Amino acid sequence: MYVVLWLLGSLVVGFIGRNRTFGFFGFFLASLIVSPIVVLIILLATGPDPKKSPESNQASQISDANPKHSSS
């Protein structure tokens, strides 16, 4: 029973961490080795990876679509 809860907790932590620097597998493996609760606390204390967050992708697409033209 404890093993099932540990695995489910690790899957949840990995899913929450999918947009972070370590990604799903990094947080999943860390939570399997350490503890899902400890890794979840670390995960919530860190911010999302700016390269992987959807907000930054939308912002870069908008800036690419509207380039600033300089008048020469």
C-alpha atoms as a PDB file:
ATOM      1  CA  MET A   1       0.000   0.000   0.000  1.00  0.00           C
ATOM      2  CA  TYR A   2       2.805   2.439   0.888  1.00  0.00           C
ATOM      3  CA  VAL A   3       4.633   1.612  -2.323  1.00  0.00           C
ATOM      4  CA  VAL A   4       1.550   2.464  -4.389  1.00  0.00           C
ATOM      5  CA  LEU A   5       1.126   5.802  -2.580  1.00  0.00           C
ATOM      6  CA  TRP A   6       4.845   6.563  -3.026  1.00  0.00           C
ATOM      7  CA  LEU A   7       4.617   5.857  -6.773  1.00  0.00           C
ATOM      8  CA  LEU A   8       1.428   7.891  -7.186  1.00  0.00           C
ATOM      9  CA  GLY A   9       2.962  10.780  -5.259  1.00  0.00           C
ATOM     10  CA  SER A  10       6.062  10.601  -7.430  1.00  0.00           C
ATOM     11  CA  LEU A  11       3.939  10.659 -10.585  1.00  0.00           C
ATOM     12  CA  VAL A  12       2.056  13.718  -9.333  1.00  0.00           C
ATOM     13  CA  VAL A  13       5.321  15.504  -8.488  1.00  0.00           C
ATOM     14  CA  GLY A  14       6.716  14.630 -11.909  1.00  0.00           C
ATOM     15  CA  PHE A  15       3.583  15.917 -13.614  1.00  0.00           C
ATOM     16  CA  ILE A  16       3.725  19.200 -11.692  1.00  0.00           C
ATOM     17  CA  GLY A  17       7.417  19.550 -12.554  1.00  0.00           C
ATOM     18  CA  ARG A  18       7.081  18.920 -16.276  1.00  0.00           C
ATOM     19  CA  ASN A  19       7.624  22.617 -17.138  1.00  0.00           C
ATOM     20  CA  ARG A  20      10.584  23.054 -14.816  1.00  0.00           C
ATOM     21  CA  THR A  21      14.294  22.739 -15.507  1.00  0.00           C
ATOM     22  CA  PHE A  22      14.509  19.043 -14.539  1.00  0.00           C
ATOM     23  CA  GLY A  23      11.307  18.117 -16.344  1.00  0.00           C
ATOM     24  CA  PHE A  24       8.972  15.235 -15.595  1.00  0.00           C
ATOM     25  CA  PHE A  25      11.550  12.457 -15.350  1.00  0.00           C
ATOM     26  CA  GLY A  26      13.973  14.468 -13.234  1.00  0.00           C
ATOM     27  CA  PHE A  27      11.408  15.300 -10.592  1.00  0.00           C
ATOM     28  CA  PHE A  28       9.850  11.842 -10.808  1.00  0.00           C
ATOM     29  CA  LEU A  29      13.181  10.114 -10.187  1.00  0.00           C
ATOM     30  CA  ALA A  30      14.144  12.563  -7.442  1.00  0.00           C
ATOM     31  CA  SER A  31      10.863  11.964  -5.666  1.00  0.00           C
ATOM     32  CA  LEU A  32      11.310   8.192  -5.970  1.00  0.00           C
ATOM     33  CA  ILE A  33      14.766   8.410  -4.378  1.00  0.00           C
ATOM     34  CA  VAL A  34      14.152  11.090  -1.732  1.00  0.00           C
ATOM     35  CA  SER A  35      10.457  11.539  -0.979  1.00  0.00           C
ATOM     36  CA  PRO A  36       7.524  12.905  -2.956  1.00  0.00           C
ATOM     37  CA  ILE A  37       6.715  15.374  -0.164  1.00  0.00           C
ATOM     38  CA  VAL A  38      10.264  16.750   0.087  1.00  0.00           C
ATOM     39  CA  VAL A  39      10.638  17.094  -3.686  1.00  0.00           C
ATOM     40  CA  LEU A  40       7.185  18.697  -3.915  1.00  0.00           C
ATOM     41  CA  ILE A  41       8.268  21.356  -1.401  1.00  0.00           C
ATOM     42  CA  ILE A  42      11.423  22.011  -3.437  1.00  0.00           C
ATOM     43  CA  LEU A  43       9.366  22.079  -6.624  1.00  0.00           C
ATOM     44  CA  LEU A  44       6.917  24.620  -5.254  1.00  0.00           C
ATOM     45  CA  ALA A  45       9.780  26.788  -3.984  1.00  0.00           C
ATOM     46  CA  THR A  46      11.288  27.049  -7.480  1.00  0.00           C
ATOM     47  CA  GLY A  47       9.825  28.818 -10.484  1.00  0.00           C
ATOM     48  CA  PRO A  48       9.074  27.402 -13.916  1.00  0.00           C
ATOM     49  CA  ASP A  49      11.771  27.232 -16.558  1.00  0.00           C
ATOM     50  CA  PRO A  50      11.393  30.353 -18.716  1.00  0.00           C
ATOM     51  CA  LYS A  51      12.371  28.400 -21.832  1.00  0.00           C
ATOM     52  CA  LYS A  52       9.631  25.807 -21.302  1.00  0.00           C
ATOM     53  CA  SER A  53       6.745  27.936 -20.026  1.00  0.00           C
ATOM     54  CA  PRO A  54       3.915  28.567 -22.522  1.00  0.00           C
ATOM     55  CA  GLU A  55       3.738  32.256 -21.565  1.00  0.00           C
ATOM     56  CA  SER A  56       7.296  32.926 -22.745  1.00  0.00           C
ATOM     57  CA  ASN A  57       6.655  31.068 -26.011  1.00  0.00           C
ATOM     58  CA  GLN A  58       3.616  33.246 -26.729  1.00  0.00           C
ATOM     59  CA  ALA A  59       5.531  36.419 -25.931  1.00  0.00           C
ATOM     60  CA  SER A  60       8.376  35.481 -28.267  1.00  0.00           C
ATOM     61  CA  GLN A  61       5.936  34.618 -31.053  1.00  0.00           C
ATOM     62  CA  ILE A  62       4.220  37.981 -30.674  1.00  0.00           C
ATOM     63  CA  SER A  63       7.510  39.860 -30.758  1.00  0.00           C
ATOM     64  CA  ASP A  64       8.620  37.862 -33.830  1.00  0.00           C
ATOM     65  CA  ALA A  65       5.341  38.634 -35.600  1.00  0.00           C
ATOM     66  CA  ASN A  66       5.623  42.368 -34.942  1.00  0.00           C
ATOM     67  CA  PRO A  67       9.255  43.304 -35.619  1.00  0.00           C
ATOM     68  CA  LYS A  68      10.198  46.924 -35.062  1.00  0.00           C
ATOM     69  CA  HIS A  69      11.190  48.634 -38.253  1.00  0.00           C
ATOM     70  CA  SER A  70      13.773  51.346 -38.048  1.00  0.00           C
ATOM     71  CA  SER A  71      13.473  54.239 -40.449  1.00  0.00           C
ATOM     72  CA  SER A  72      16.719  54.946 -42.271  1.00  0.00           C
END
